[in-house]
Amino acid sequence: MLNEIEEFKAYTGKPVYKCSGKRDLSFLGRFSFEMMKEFTGLNRVLTIIARGYMFRNGAPDVDYARRALCAWCSIPDKKTAAPKEEWQFRTDFSDLHEEFPELVDKTGKGWFYRHVHKVERFITKNSENMSKTTLSNAEPLKTGFDAAWRDKVKQYQVSLYSPETKGAWVLRFDDVLADALELGPLADKTFSFSDDEKERIKGLLPDGLPYSRGIT
């Protein structure tokens, strides 16, 4: 997406859950089922979020961006969970609610956690408008997401300098923040073509390749 500012809003704003038919997956927002089940592609998502918060006040604030990532990724502790030791990674960041009310609620439910479960509930509630493939994705999100996401959030917090193998081939907040620093503030990179340029592009297209009316 060329407009990174709008992309940031899609990851931090209030999603709209609706569909007009079995082929309509707009209720997923900018996510796919693979992203929700396998967490593929979240590097881009987390980097956009980090950049949006890191440069909010101009000069980069890495600590602020890290807290924003923690809030977005937050997942409530199990009711039977034992208190965390200082050396253990947390996954419940309900204490960040006042600072990031749009990213985590008072119970520790982060933006992504809430979105995934709202998606699976929306699918179940509107099953008559869903394809068999879409319906088959609801159950894994309902029963398997929490445990997998809790493990992933712990993984994100592994130090960049961890000498252990577990920190060698995983995505970490440290990596995301480093990318955010390098890429800088979010930007709107959309652009428009003149009528003459549109006609030239149309003339250069190979035979049989349709001209996109979406070019602006």
N, C-alpha and C. Protein backbone atom coordinates (compact mmCIF):
# COMPACT_ATOMS: atom_id res chain seq x y z
N MET A 1 0.85 -1.19 0.00
CA MET A 1 0.00 0.00 0.00
C MET A 1 0.88 1.24 0.00
N LEU A 2 0.64 2.14 -0.94
CA LEU A 2 1.49 3.31 -1.06
C LEU A 2 1.19 4.34 0.03
N ASN A 3 -0.05 4.42 0.47
CA ASN A 3 -0.39 5.37 1.52
C ASN A 3 -0.20 4.68 2.87
N GLU A 4 0.98 4.87 3.44
CA GLU A 4 1.31 4.21 4.71
C GLU A 4 0.49 4.74 5.87
N ILE A 5 0.06 5.99 5.78
CA ILE A 5 -0.75 6.58 6.85
C ILE A 5 -2.10 5.88 6.95
N GLU A 6 -2.71 5.63 5.78
CA GLU A 6 -3.99 4.91 5.77
C GLU A 6 -3.79 3.46 6.22
N GLU A 7 -2.67 2.89 5.87
CA GLU A 7 -2.37 1.52 6.30
C GLU A 7 -2.26 1.47 7.82
N PHE A 8 -1.59 2.44 8.41
CA PHE A 8 -1.47 2.53 9.87
C PHE A 8 -2.86 2.60 10.52
N LYS A 9 -3.74 3.39 9.95
CA LYS A 9 -5.10 3.53 10.49
C LYS A 9 -5.84 2.19 10.43
N ALA A 10 -5.57 1.42 9.38
CA ALA A 10 -6.23 0.12 9.23
C ALA A 10 -5.80 -0.86 10.32
N TYR A 11 -4.59 -0.68 10.84
CA TYR A 11 -4.07 -1.58 11.87
C TYR A 11 -4.35 -1.10 13.29
N THR A 12 -4.80 0.13 13.44
CA THR A 12 -4.98 0.68 14.79
C THR A 12 -6.36 1.27 15.03
N GLY A 13 -7.14 1.43 13.97
CA GLY A 13 -8.48 2.00 14.11
C GLY A 13 -9.52 0.94 14.41
N LYS A 14 -10.79 1.29 14.19
CA LYS A 14 -11.89 0.37 14.46
C LYS A 14 -12.34 -0.31 13.17
N PRO A 15 -12.12 -1.61 13.04
CA PRO A 15 -12.51 -2.33 11.83
C PRO A 15 -14.03 -2.38 11.66
N VAL A 16 -14.46 -2.52 10.42
CA VAL A 16 -15.87 -2.69 10.11
C VAL A 16 -16.08 -4.15 9.69
N TYR A 17 -16.98 -4.82 10.36
CA TYR A 17 -17.22 -6.24 10.09
C TYR A 17 -18.52 -6.38 9.30
N LYS A 18 -18.36 -6.63 8.00
CA LYS A 18 -19.52 -6.79 7.12
C LYS A 18 -19.10 -7.61 5.91
N CYS A 19 -20.07 -8.19 5.25
CA CYS A 19 -19.79 -8.90 3.99
C CYS A 19 -21.07 -8.93 3.17
N SER A 20 -20.91 -8.91 1.84
CA SER A 20 -22.05 -8.87 0.95
C SER A 20 -22.30 -10.19 0.25
N GLY A 21 -21.46 -11.18 0.53
CA GLY A 21 -21.62 -12.47 -0.11
C GLY A 21 -20.48 -13.39 0.25
N LYS A 22 -20.51 -14.60 -0.25
CA LYS A 22 -19.54 -15.61 0.12
C LYS A 22 -18.12 -15.30 -0.35
N ARG A 23 -17.99 -14.46 -1.35
CA ARG A 23 -16.66 -14.10 -1.85
C ARG A 23 -16.12 -12.83 -1.20
N ASP A 24 -16.93 -12.19 -0.40
CA ASP A 24 -16.54 -10.93 0.23
C ASP A 24 -15.83 -11.20 1.55
N LEU A 25 -14.54 -10.90 1.60
CA LEU A 25 -13.75 -11.11 2.82
C LEU A 25 -13.31 -9.78 3.43
N SER A 26 -14.07 -8.73 3.15
CA SER A 26 -13.69 -7.41 3.64
C SER A 26 -13.69 -7.33 5.17
N PHE A 27 -14.38 -8.24 5.83
CA PHE A 27 -14.40 -8.23 7.29
C PHE A 27 -13.04 -8.59 7.88
N LEU A 28 -12.15 -9.12 7.06
CA LEU A 28 -10.79 -9.42 7.53
C LEU A 28 -9.93 -8.17 7.63
N GLY A 29 -10.39 -7.06 7.03
CA GLY A 29 -9.57 -5.87 6.98
C GLY A 29 -8.39 -6.10 6.05
N ARG A 30 -7.19 -5.69 6.46
CA ARG A 30 -5.99 -5.86 5.65
C ARG A 30 -5.27 -7.17 5.98
N PHE A 31 -5.96 -8.07 6.66
CA PHE A 31 -5.35 -9.33 7.07
C PHE A 31 -5.90 -10.48 6.23
N SER A 32 -5.19 -11.59 6.27
CA SER A 32 -5.64 -12.83 5.64
C SER A 32 -5.74 -13.89 6.73
N PHE A 33 -6.39 -15.00 6.41
CA PHE A 33 -6.47 -16.09 7.38
C PHE A 33 -5.08 -16.63 7.70
N GLU A 34 -4.19 -16.65 6.71
CA GLU A 34 -2.82 -17.14 6.94
C GLU A 34 -2.10 -16.26 7.95
N MET A 35 -2.32 -14.96 7.88
CA MET A 35 -1.69 -14.04 8.84
C MET A 35 -2.20 -14.30 10.25
N MET A 36 -3.47 -14.66 10.36
CA MET A 36 -4.07 -14.89 11.67
C MET A 36 -3.72 -16.25 12.25
N LYS A 37 -3.50 -17.22 11.38
CA LYS A 37 -3.20 -18.58 11.85
C LYS A 37 -1.71 -18.87 11.90
N GLU A 38 -0.97 -18.36 10.92
CA GLU A 38 0.46 -18.66 10.83
C GLU A 38 1.34 -17.45 11.16
N PHE A 39 0.71 -16.27 11.28
CA PHE A 39 1.40 -15.01 11.61
C PHE A 39 2.39 -14.59 10.52
N THR A 40 2.16 -15.04 9.31
CA THR A 40 3.00 -14.62 8.19
C THR A 40 2.66 -13.18 7.82
N GLY A 41 3.65 -12.41 7.44
CA GLY A 41 3.41 -11.05 7.00
C GLY A 41 3.28 -10.02 8.10
N LEU A 42 3.40 -10.43 9.36
CA LEU A 42 3.22 -9.47 10.45
C LEU A 42 4.43 -8.55 10.61
N ASN A 43 5.54 -8.89 9.99
CA ASN A 43 6.71 -8.01 10.05
C ASN A 43 6.33 -6.63 9.49
N ARG A 44 5.68 -6.63 8.34
CA ARG A 44 5.24 -5.37 7.72
C ARG A 44 4.25 -4.64 8.62
N VAL A 45 3.30 -5.35 9.16
CA VAL A 45 2.28 -4.74 10.02
C VAL A 45 2.92 -4.09 11.24
N LEU A 46 3.77 -4.82 11.93
CA LEU A 46 4.40 -4.31 13.14
C LEU A 46 5.31 -3.13 12.84
N THR A 47 5.98 -3.15 11.70
CA THR A 47 6.86 -2.04 11.34
C THR A 47 6.07 -0.77 11.06
N ILE A 48 4.94 -0.91 10.39
CA ILE A 48 4.07 0.25 10.14
C ILE A 48 3.58 0.83 11.46
N ILE A 49 3.16 -0.04 12.38
CA ILE A 49 2.69 0.42 13.69
C ILE A 49 3.81 1.11 14.45
N ALA A 50 4.99 0.51 14.45
CA ALA A 50 6.13 1.09 15.16
C ALA A 50 6.48 2.47 14.61
N ARG A 51 6.49 2.61 13.29
CA ARG A 51 6.81 3.90 12.67
C ARG A 51 5.75 4.95 13.01
N GLY A 52 4.50 4.52 13.05
CA GLY A 52 3.42 5.46 13.36
C GLY A 52 3.54 6.06 14.75
N TYR A 53 3.99 5.26 15.70
CA TYR A 53 4.13 5.75 17.07
C TYR A 53 5.51 6.32 17.35
N MET A 54 6.53 5.76 16.73
CA MET A 54 7.90 6.20 16.99
C MET A 54 8.12 7.67 16.63
N PHE A 55 7.50 8.11 15.54
CA PHE A 55 7.74 9.48 15.06
C PHE A 55 6.53 10.39 15.30
N ARG A 56 5.67 9.99 16.21
CA ARG A 56 4.43 10.75 16.44
C ARG A 56 4.72 12.19 16.85
N ASN A 57 5.77 12.39 17.62
CA ASN A 57 6.10 13.74 18.09
C ASN A 57 7.34 14.31 17.42
N GLY A 58 7.67 13.78 16.25
CA GLY A 58 8.82 14.29 15.51
C GLY A 58 10.04 13.42 15.68
N ALA A 59 10.84 13.69 16.71
CA ALA A 59 12.06 12.92 16.97
C ALA A 59 11.70 11.48 17.33
N PRO A 60 12.48 10.51 16.88
CA PRO A 60 12.15 9.11 17.16
C PRO A 60 12.18 8.77 18.64
N ASP A 61 11.15 8.08 19.09
CA ASP A 61 11.06 7.63 20.48
C ASP A 61 10.89 6.11 20.45
N VAL A 62 12.02 5.40 20.56
CA VAL A 62 12.02 3.96 20.43
C VAL A 62 11.26 3.28 21.56
N ASP A 63 11.42 3.77 22.78
CA ASP A 63 10.75 3.17 23.92
C ASP A 63 9.23 3.29 23.80
N TYR A 64 8.77 4.43 23.33
CA TYR A 64 7.33 4.65 23.12
C TYR A 64 6.79 3.68 22.07
N ALA A 65 7.55 3.51 21.00
CA ALA A 65 7.14 2.59 19.94
C ALA A 65 7.11 1.16 20.43
N ARG A 66 8.08 0.78 21.25
CA ARG A 66 8.10 -0.57 21.80
C ARG A 66 6.88 -0.83 22.67
N ARG A 67 6.52 0.14 23.49
CA ARG A 67 5.34 -0.03 24.34
C ARG A 67 4.08 -0.15 23.47
N ALA A 68 4.03 0.59 22.38
CA ALA A 68 2.89 0.49 21.47
C ALA A 68 2.79 -0.90 20.87
N LEU A 69 3.91 -1.48 20.49
CA LEU A 69 3.92 -2.84 19.95
C LEU A 69 3.43 -3.84 21.00
N CYS A 70 3.90 -3.67 22.22
CA CYS A 70 3.47 -4.57 23.31
C CYS A 70 1.96 -4.47 23.51
N ALA A 71 1.45 -3.24 23.49
CA ALA A 71 0.01 -3.04 23.69
C ALA A 71 -0.78 -3.70 22.55
N TRP A 72 -0.36 -3.51 21.31
CA TRP A 72 -1.06 -4.06 20.15
C TRP A 72 -1.07 -5.59 20.19
N CYS A 73 0.03 -6.16 20.66
CA CYS A 73 0.18 -7.62 20.69
C CYS A 73 -0.38 -8.26 21.96
N SER A 74 -0.81 -7.49 22.91
CA SER A 74 -1.21 -8.01 24.22
C SER A 74 -2.29 -9.09 24.14
N ILE A 75 -2.16 -10.07 25.01
CA ILE A 75 -3.17 -11.12 25.15
C ILE A 75 -3.33 -11.38 26.65
N PRO A 76 -4.56 -11.44 27.15
CA PRO A 76 -4.77 -11.61 28.60
C PRO A 76 -4.15 -12.90 29.12
N ASP A 77 -3.64 -12.85 30.32
CA ASP A 77 -3.15 -14.06 30.97
C ASP A 77 -4.30 -15.00 31.26
N LYS A 78 -4.00 -16.29 31.29
CA LYS A 78 -5.00 -17.26 31.70
C LYS A 78 -5.35 -17.02 33.16
N LYS A 79 -6.58 -17.33 33.53
CA LYS A 79 -7.00 -17.12 34.91
C LYS A 79 -6.18 -17.94 35.89
N THR A 80 -5.64 -19.05 35.42
CA THR A 80 -4.86 -19.93 36.29
C THR A 80 -3.36 -19.66 36.20
N ALA A 81 -2.99 -18.61 35.43
CA ALA A 81 -1.56 -18.33 35.23
C ALA A 81 -0.89 -17.88 36.53
N ALA A 82 0.30 -18.40 36.77
CA ALA A 82 1.07 -18.00 37.95
C ALA A 82 1.70 -16.63 37.70
N PRO A 83 1.94 -15.86 38.75
CA PRO A 83 2.59 -14.56 38.58
C PRO A 83 3.93 -14.70 37.86
N LYS A 84 4.24 -13.76 36.98
CA LYS A 84 5.47 -13.81 36.22
C LYS A 84 6.67 -13.37 37.08
N GLU A 85 7.77 -14.09 36.89
CA GLU A 85 9.01 -13.66 37.51
C GLU A 85 9.60 -12.52 36.69
N GLU A 86 10.52 -11.77 37.24
CA GLU A 86 11.10 -10.63 36.54
C GLU A 86 11.78 -11.03 35.24
N TRP A 87 12.32 -12.25 35.19
CA TRP A 87 13.06 -12.67 34.01
C TRP A 87 12.15 -13.24 32.93
N GLN A 88 10.89 -13.46 33.23
CA GLN A 88 9.97 -14.07 32.28
C GLN A 88 9.31 -13.02 31.39
N PHE A 89 9.06 -13.39 30.13
CA PHE A 89 8.41 -12.48 29.21
C PHE A 89 6.92 -12.37 29.52
N ARG A 90 6.42 -11.17 29.53
CA ARG A 90 4.99 -10.94 29.74
C ARG A 90 4.25 -11.02 28.41
N THR A 91 2.97 -11.32 28.48
CA THR A 91 2.13 -11.27 27.29
C THR A 91 0.88 -10.42 27.54
N ASP A 92 0.58 -10.15 28.80
CA ASP A 92 -0.56 -9.32 29.18
C ASP A 92 -0.05 -7.92 29.50
N PHE A 93 -0.43 -6.95 28.66
CA PHE A 93 0.03 -5.58 28.84
C PHE A 93 -1.15 -4.65 29.13
N SER A 94 -2.04 -5.11 30.00
CA SER A 94 -3.20 -4.30 30.37
C SER A 94 -2.79 -3.00 31.04
N ASP A 95 -1.60 -2.97 31.64
CA ASP A 95 -1.12 -1.76 32.30
C ASP A 95 -0.84 -0.63 31.31
N LEU A 96 -0.82 -0.95 30.00
CA LEU A 96 -0.58 0.08 28.99
C LEU A 96 -1.87 0.67 28.44
N HIS A 97 -3.02 0.28 29.01
CA HIS A 97 -4.31 0.74 28.50
C HIS A 97 -4.45 2.26 28.54
N GLU A 98 -4.06 2.88 29.63
CA GLU A 98 -4.21 4.33 29.74
C GLU A 98 -3.36 5.07 28.71
N GLU A 99 -2.19 4.53 28.41
CA GLU A 99 -1.30 5.16 27.45
C GLU A 99 -1.73 4.88 26.01
N PHE A 100 -2.26 3.67 25.77
CA PHE A 100 -2.68 3.27 24.42
C PHE A 100 -4.08 2.65 24.46
N PRO A 101 -5.10 3.43 24.79
CA PRO A 101 -6.46 2.87 24.89
C PRO A 101 -6.98 2.29 23.59
N GLU A 102 -6.45 2.76 22.45
CA GLU A 102 -6.87 2.26 21.15
C GLU A 102 -6.23 0.92 20.82
N LEU A 103 -5.18 0.55 21.53
CA LEU A 103 -4.43 -0.67 21.22
C LEU A 103 -4.67 -1.81 22.19
N VAL A 104 -5.04 -1.53 23.43
CA VAL A 104 -5.26 -2.58 24.42
C VAL A 104 -6.32 -2.11 25.42
N ASP A 105 -7.23 -3.02 25.78
CA ASP A 105 -8.26 -2.63 26.75
C ASP A 105 -7.81 -2.93 28.17
N LYS A 106 -8.67 -2.65 29.11
CA LYS A 106 -8.32 -2.79 30.53
C LYS A 106 -8.06 -4.23 30.94
N THR A 107 -8.57 -5.18 30.18
CA THR A 107 -8.39 -6.59 30.53
C THR A 107 -7.17 -7.22 29.84
N GLY A 108 -6.46 -6.43 29.06
CA GLY A 108 -5.26 -6.95 28.40
C GLY A 108 -5.50 -7.47 26.99
N LYS A 109 -6.69 -7.26 26.45
CA LYS A 109 -6.98 -7.70 25.09
C LYS A 109 -6.44 -6.68 24.11
N GLY A 110 -5.38 -7.06 23.40
CA GLY A 110 -4.76 -6.16 22.44
C GLY A 110 -5.55 -6.05 21.16
N TRP A 111 -5.16 -5.11 20.30
CA TRP A 111 -5.89 -4.87 19.04
C TRP A 111 -5.98 -6.12 18.19
N PHE A 112 -4.88 -6.80 18.00
CA PHE A 112 -4.87 -7.98 17.13
C PHE A 112 -5.69 -9.11 17.73
N TYR A 113 -5.57 -9.32 19.01
CA TYR A 113 -6.34 -10.35 19.71
C TYR A 113 -7.84 -10.11 19.53
N ARG A 114 -8.26 -8.88 19.73
CA ARG A 114 -9.69 -8.55 19.60
C ARG A 114 -10.15 -8.73 18.16
N HIS A 115 -9.32 -8.31 17.21
CA HIS A 115 -9.71 -8.41 15.81
C HIS A 115 -9.90 -9.87 15.39
N VAL A 116 -8.97 -10.71 15.75
CA VAL A 116 -9.06 -12.12 15.38
C VAL A 116 -10.33 -12.75 15.93
N HIS A 117 -10.64 -12.49 17.18
CA HIS A 117 -11.82 -13.12 17.78
C HIS A 117 -13.13 -12.49 17.29
N LYS A 118 -13.09 -11.23 16.93
CA LYS A 118 -14.28 -10.63 16.32
C LYS A 118 -14.52 -11.21 14.94
N VAL A 119 -13.45 -11.52 14.22
CA VAL A 119 -13.57 -12.14 12.91
C VAL A 119 -14.20 -13.52 13.04
N GLU A 120 -13.69 -14.35 13.97
CA GLU A 120 -14.23 -15.71 14.09
C GLU A 120 -15.68 -15.69 14.57
N ARG A 121 -16.04 -14.74 15.40
CA ARG A 121 -17.43 -14.65 15.85
C ARG A 121 -18.34 -14.14 14.73
N PHE A 122 -17.82 -13.22 13.92
CA PHE A 122 -18.59 -12.71 12.79
C PHE A 122 -18.87 -13.82 11.78
N ILE A 123 -17.88 -14.65 11.53
CA ILE A 123 -18.06 -15.77 10.59
C ILE A 123 -19.14 -16.72 11.10
N THR A 124 -19.05 -17.07 12.37
CA THR A 124 -20.03 -18.00 12.96
C THR A 124 -21.43 -17.42 12.94
N LYS A 125 -21.54 -16.14 13.27
CA LYS A 125 -22.85 -15.49 13.33
C LYS A 125 -23.48 -15.34 11.95
N ASN A 126 -22.65 -15.21 10.92
CA ASN A 126 -23.15 -15.01 9.55
C ASN A 126 -22.79 -16.19 8.66
N SER A 127 -22.89 -17.38 9.20
CA SER A 127 -22.46 -18.59 8.50
C SER A 127 -23.17 -18.79 7.16
N GLU A 128 -24.41 -18.31 7.04
CA GLU A 128 -25.14 -18.50 5.79
C GLU A 128 -24.54 -17.71 4.63
N ASN A 129 -23.76 -16.68 4.95
CA ASN A 129 -23.13 -15.85 3.92
C ASN A 129 -21.66 -16.21 3.71
N MET A 130 -21.21 -17.31 4.30
CA MET A 130 -19.80 -17.68 4.24
C MET A 130 -19.58 -18.93 3.38
N SER A 131 -18.46 -18.98 2.71
CA SER A 131 -18.11 -20.16 1.93
C SER A 131 -17.62 -21.26 2.87
N LYS A 132 -17.53 -22.47 2.36
CA LYS A 132 -17.05 -23.58 3.19
C LYS A 132 -15.61 -23.34 3.64
N THR A 133 -14.81 -22.76 2.76
CA THR A 133 -13.41 -22.47 3.10
C THR A 133 -13.33 -21.46 4.24
N THR A 134 -14.15 -20.42 4.16
CA THR A 134 -14.15 -19.40 5.22
C THR A 134 -14.62 -20.01 6.53
N LEU A 135 -15.67 -20.81 6.49
CA LEU A 135 -16.19 -21.45 7.70
C LEU A 135 -15.14 -22.34 8.34
N SER A 136 -14.35 -23.01 7.52
CA SER A 136 -13.34 -23.92 8.05
C SER A 136 -12.22 -23.18 8.79
N ASN A 137 -12.10 -21.89 8.54
CA ASN A 137 -11.06 -21.10 9.20
C ASN A 137 -11.48 -20.56 10.56
N ALA A 138 -12.77 -20.58 10.85
CA ALA A 138 -13.26 -20.00 12.09
C ALA A 138 -12.86 -20.82 13.32
N GLU A 139 -12.99 -22.13 13.22
CA GLU A 139 -12.72 -22.99 14.38
C GLU A 139 -11.26 -22.91 14.84
N PRO A 140 -10.26 -22.97 13.94
CA PRO A 140 -8.87 -22.84 14.39
C PRO A 140 -8.60 -21.51 15.09
N LEU A 141 -9.25 -20.45 14.62
CA LEU A 141 -9.07 -19.15 15.27
C LEU A 141 -9.67 -19.15 16.67
N LYS A 142 -10.77 -19.86 16.82
CA LYS A 142 -11.45 -19.91 18.12
C LYS A 142 -10.70 -20.75 19.13
N THR A 143 -10.17 -21.88 18.67
CA THR A 143 -9.57 -22.84 19.61
C THR A 143 -8.05 -22.82 19.68
N GLY A 144 -7.41 -22.39 18.60
CA GLY A 144 -5.95 -22.50 18.57
C GLY A 144 -5.18 -21.20 18.60
N PHE A 145 -5.88 -20.09 18.36
CA PHE A 145 -5.17 -18.82 18.24
C PHE A 145 -4.49 -18.39 19.53
N ASP A 146 -5.19 -18.46 20.65
CA ASP A 146 -4.66 -17.89 21.90
C ASP A 146 -3.30 -18.46 22.29
N ALA A 147 -3.19 -19.77 22.30
CA ALA A 147 -1.94 -20.40 22.72
C ALA A 147 -0.81 -20.07 21.75
N ALA A 148 -1.12 -20.11 20.45
CA ALA A 148 -0.09 -19.83 19.45
C ALA A 148 0.36 -18.37 19.51
N TRP A 149 -0.60 -17.47 19.70
CA TRP A 149 -0.26 -16.04 19.75
C TRP A 149 0.51 -15.70 21.02
N ARG A 150 0.16 -16.33 22.12
CA ARG A 150 0.90 -16.09 23.38
C ARG A 150 2.37 -16.48 23.22
N ASP A 151 2.61 -17.60 22.58
CA ASP A 151 3.99 -18.04 22.33
C ASP A 151 4.71 -17.06 21.40
N LYS A 152 3.99 -16.57 20.39
CA LYS A 152 4.60 -15.65 19.43
C LYS A 152 4.97 -14.32 20.10
N VAL A 153 4.11 -13.83 20.99
CA VAL A 153 4.39 -12.57 21.67
C VAL A 153 5.62 -12.71 22.57
N LYS A 154 5.77 -13.86 23.18
CA LYS A 154 6.99 -14.10 23.97
C LYS A 154 8.22 -14.09 23.07
N GLN A 155 8.08 -14.70 21.92
CA GLN A 155 9.18 -14.77 20.95
C GLN A 155 9.59 -13.38 20.48
N TYR A 156 8.61 -12.50 20.27
CA TYR A 156 8.92 -11.15 19.81
C TYR A 156 9.83 -10.41 20.79
N GLN A 157 9.79 -10.81 22.05
CA GLN A 157 10.54 -10.08 23.07
C GLN A 157 11.95 -10.61 23.29
N VAL A 158 12.33 -11.66 22.58
CA VAL A 158 13.69 -12.19 22.69
C VAL A 158 14.68 -11.11 22.29
N SER A 159 15.72 -10.94 23.07
CA SER A 159 16.70 -9.89 22.81
C SER A 159 17.46 -10.12 21.51
N LEU A 160 17.77 -9.03 20.86
CA LEU A 160 18.59 -9.08 19.65
C LEU A 160 19.95 -9.71 19.92
N TYR A 161 20.39 -9.61 21.16
CA TYR A 161 21.70 -10.11 21.54
C TYR A 161 21.64 -11.45 22.26
N SER A 162 20.50 -12.11 22.18
CA SER A 162 20.35 -13.40 22.84
C SER A 162 21.34 -14.40 22.26
N PRO A 163 22.16 -15.03 23.11
CA PRO A 163 23.15 -16.00 22.62
C PRO A 163 22.53 -17.35 22.29
N GLU A 164 21.28 -17.51 22.66
CA GLU A 164 20.63 -18.80 22.46
C GLU A 164 20.09 -18.94 21.04
N THR A 165 19.98 -20.16 20.59
CA THR A 165 19.50 -20.44 19.24
C THR A 165 18.11 -19.88 19.01
N LYS A 166 17.28 -19.84 20.05
CA LYS A 166 15.89 -19.42 19.89
C LYS A 166 15.79 -17.98 19.42
N GLY A 167 16.86 -17.22 19.57
CA GLY A 167 16.80 -15.83 19.13
C GLY A 167 17.43 -15.59 17.78
N ALA A 168 17.85 -16.65 17.12
CA ALA A 168 18.61 -16.48 15.88
C ALA A 168 17.75 -16.34 14.63
N TRP A 169 16.61 -17.05 14.57
CA TRP A 169 15.83 -17.09 13.34
C TRP A 169 14.38 -16.67 13.55
N VAL A 170 14.15 -15.77 14.46
CA VAL A 170 12.78 -15.35 14.74
C VAL A 170 12.66 -13.84 14.56
N LEU A 171 11.41 -13.38 14.33
CA LEU A 171 11.14 -11.96 14.28
C LEU A 171 11.06 -11.44 15.70
N ARG A 172 11.72 -10.32 15.96
CA ARG A 172 11.73 -9.74 17.30
C ARG A 172 11.35 -8.27 17.23
N PHE A 173 10.86 -7.73 18.34
CA PHE A 173 10.58 -6.31 18.41
C PHE A 173 11.83 -5.50 18.08
N ASP A 174 12.99 -5.99 18.49
CA ASP A 174 14.24 -5.28 18.21
C ASP A 174 14.44 -5.11 16.70
N ASP A 175 14.14 -6.15 15.93
CA ASP A 175 14.26 -6.08 14.47
C ASP A 175 13.27 -5.06 13.90
N VAL A 176 12.05 -5.13 14.39
CA VAL A 176 10.99 -4.23 13.92
C VAL A 176 11.37 -2.78 14.19
N LEU A 177 11.85 -2.50 15.39
CA LEU A 177 12.20 -1.14 15.77
C LEU A 177 13.40 -0.63 14.96
N ALA A 178 14.34 -1.52 14.68
CA ALA A 178 15.48 -1.13 13.85
C ALA A 178 15.02 -0.77 12.44
N ASP A 179 14.12 -1.55 11.88
CA ASP A 179 13.57 -1.25 10.55
C ASP A 179 12.81 0.07 10.57
N ALA A 180 12.05 0.29 11.63
CA ALA A 180 11.26 1.53 11.74
C ALA A 180 12.17 2.75 11.78
N LEU A 181 13.26 2.65 12.52
CA LEU A 181 14.21 3.76 12.59
C LEU A 181 14.80 4.06 11.22
N GLU A 182 15.12 3.01 10.49
CA GLU A 182 15.74 3.18 9.18
C GLU A 182 14.76 3.76 8.16
N LEU A 183 13.51 3.33 8.21
CA LEU A 183 12.51 3.75 7.22
C LEU A 183 11.96 5.14 7.51
N GLY A 184 11.94 5.53 8.80
CA GLY A 184 11.49 6.87 9.15
C GLY A 184 9.98 7.00 9.26
N PRO A 185 9.48 8.24 9.33
CA PRO A 185 8.05 8.48 9.50
C PRO A 185 7.21 7.90 8.36
N LEU A 186 5.95 7.63 8.65
CA LEU A 186 5.03 7.15 7.62
C LEU A 186 4.81 8.24 6.58
N ALA A 187 4.53 7.81 5.36
CA ALA A 187 4.35 8.79 4.28
C ALA A 187 3.26 8.32 3.33
N ASP A 188 2.64 9.29 2.67
CA ASP A 188 1.67 9.01 1.61
C ASP A 188 2.43 9.06 0.29
N LYS A 189 2.65 7.89 -0.30
CA LYS A 189 3.45 7.81 -1.53
C LYS A 189 2.60 7.60 -2.77
N THR A 190 1.30 7.87 -2.65
CA THR A 190 0.44 7.74 -3.83
C THR A 190 0.76 8.85 -4.83
N PHE A 191 0.49 8.59 -6.08
CA PHE A 191 0.76 9.59 -7.11
C PHE A 191 -0.26 9.43 -8.23
N SER A 192 -0.35 10.45 -9.06
CA SER A 192 -1.33 10.45 -10.14
C SER A 192 -0.64 10.62 -11.49
N PHE A 193 -1.27 10.07 -12.54
CA PHE A 193 -0.79 10.22 -13.91
C PHE A 193 -1.65 11.25 -14.64
N SER A 194 -1.02 11.98 -15.54
CA SER A 194 -1.78 12.90 -16.39
C SER A 194 -2.53 12.07 -17.43
N ASP A 195 -3.50 12.68 -18.09
CA ASP A 195 -4.26 11.97 -19.13
C ASP A 195 -3.32 11.47 -20.23
N ASP A 196 -2.33 12.29 -20.58
CA ASP A 196 -1.38 11.90 -21.62
C ASP A 196 -0.57 10.68 -21.19
N GLU A 197 -0.13 10.68 -19.94
CA GLU A 197 0.65 9.56 -19.43
C GLU A 197 -0.18 8.28 -19.38
N LYS A 198 -1.45 8.41 -19.03
CA LYS A 198 -2.34 7.25 -19.00
C LYS A 198 -2.48 6.63 -20.39
N GLU A 199 -2.62 7.48 -21.41
CA GLU A 199 -2.75 6.99 -22.77
C GLU A 199 -1.47 6.31 -23.24
N ARG A 200 -0.32 6.86 -22.83
CA ARG A 200 0.96 6.26 -23.22
C ARG A 200 1.13 4.89 -22.55
N ILE A 201 0.74 4.80 -21.28
CA ILE A 201 0.82 3.52 -20.57
C ILE A 201 -0.08 2.48 -21.23
N LYS A 202 -1.30 2.92 -21.58
CA LYS A 202 -2.26 2.03 -22.21
C LYS A 202 -1.71 1.49 -23.53
N GLY A 203 -1.02 2.36 -24.29
CA GLY A 203 -0.48 1.96 -25.58
C GLY A 203 0.71 1.02 -25.47
N LEU A 204 1.38 1.03 -24.33
CA LEU A 204 2.56 0.19 -24.15
C LEU A 204 2.24 -1.19 -23.57
N LEU A 205 1.00 -1.38 -23.16
CA LEU A 205 0.63 -2.66 -22.56
C LEU A 205 0.62 -3.76 -23.63
N PRO A 206 1.08 -4.97 -23.26
CA PRO A 206 1.05 -6.11 -24.21
C PRO A 206 -0.38 -6.44 -24.61
N ASP A 207 -0.54 -6.99 -25.79
CA ASP A 207 -1.86 -7.39 -26.27
C ASP A 207 -2.52 -8.37 -25.30
N GLY A 208 -3.76 -8.12 -25.00
CA GLY A 208 -4.51 -9.02 -24.13
C GLY A 208 -4.46 -8.66 -22.66
N LEU A 209 -3.55 -7.75 -22.29
CA LEU A 209 -3.46 -7.35 -20.89
C LEU A 209 -4.39 -6.17 -20.67
N PRO A 210 -5.42 -6.32 -19.81
CA PRO A 210 -6.40 -5.24 -19.64
C PRO A 210 -5.79 -4.00 -19.01
N TYR A 211 -6.30 -2.86 -19.41
CA TYR A 211 -5.86 -1.58 -18.84
C TYR A 211 -6.60 -1.35 -17.54
N SER A 212 -5.89 -1.01 -16.48
CA SER A 212 -6.52 -0.81 -15.17
C SER A 212 -7.18 0.55 -15.09
N ARG A 213 -8.45 0.55 -14.82
CA ARG A 213 -9.17 1.82 -14.64
C ARG A 213 -8.86 2.43 -13.27
N GLY A 214 -8.12 1.65 -12.45
CA GLY A 214 -7.79 2.15 -11.12
C GLY A 214 -6.61 3.09 -11.11
N ILE A 215 -5.92 3.26 -12.26
CA ILE A 215 -4.78 4.18 -12.32
C ILE A 215 -5.30 5.61 -12.21
N THR A 216 -4.73 6.40 -11.30
CA THR A 216 -5.22 7.77 -11.10
C THR A 216 -4.19 8.78 -11.53
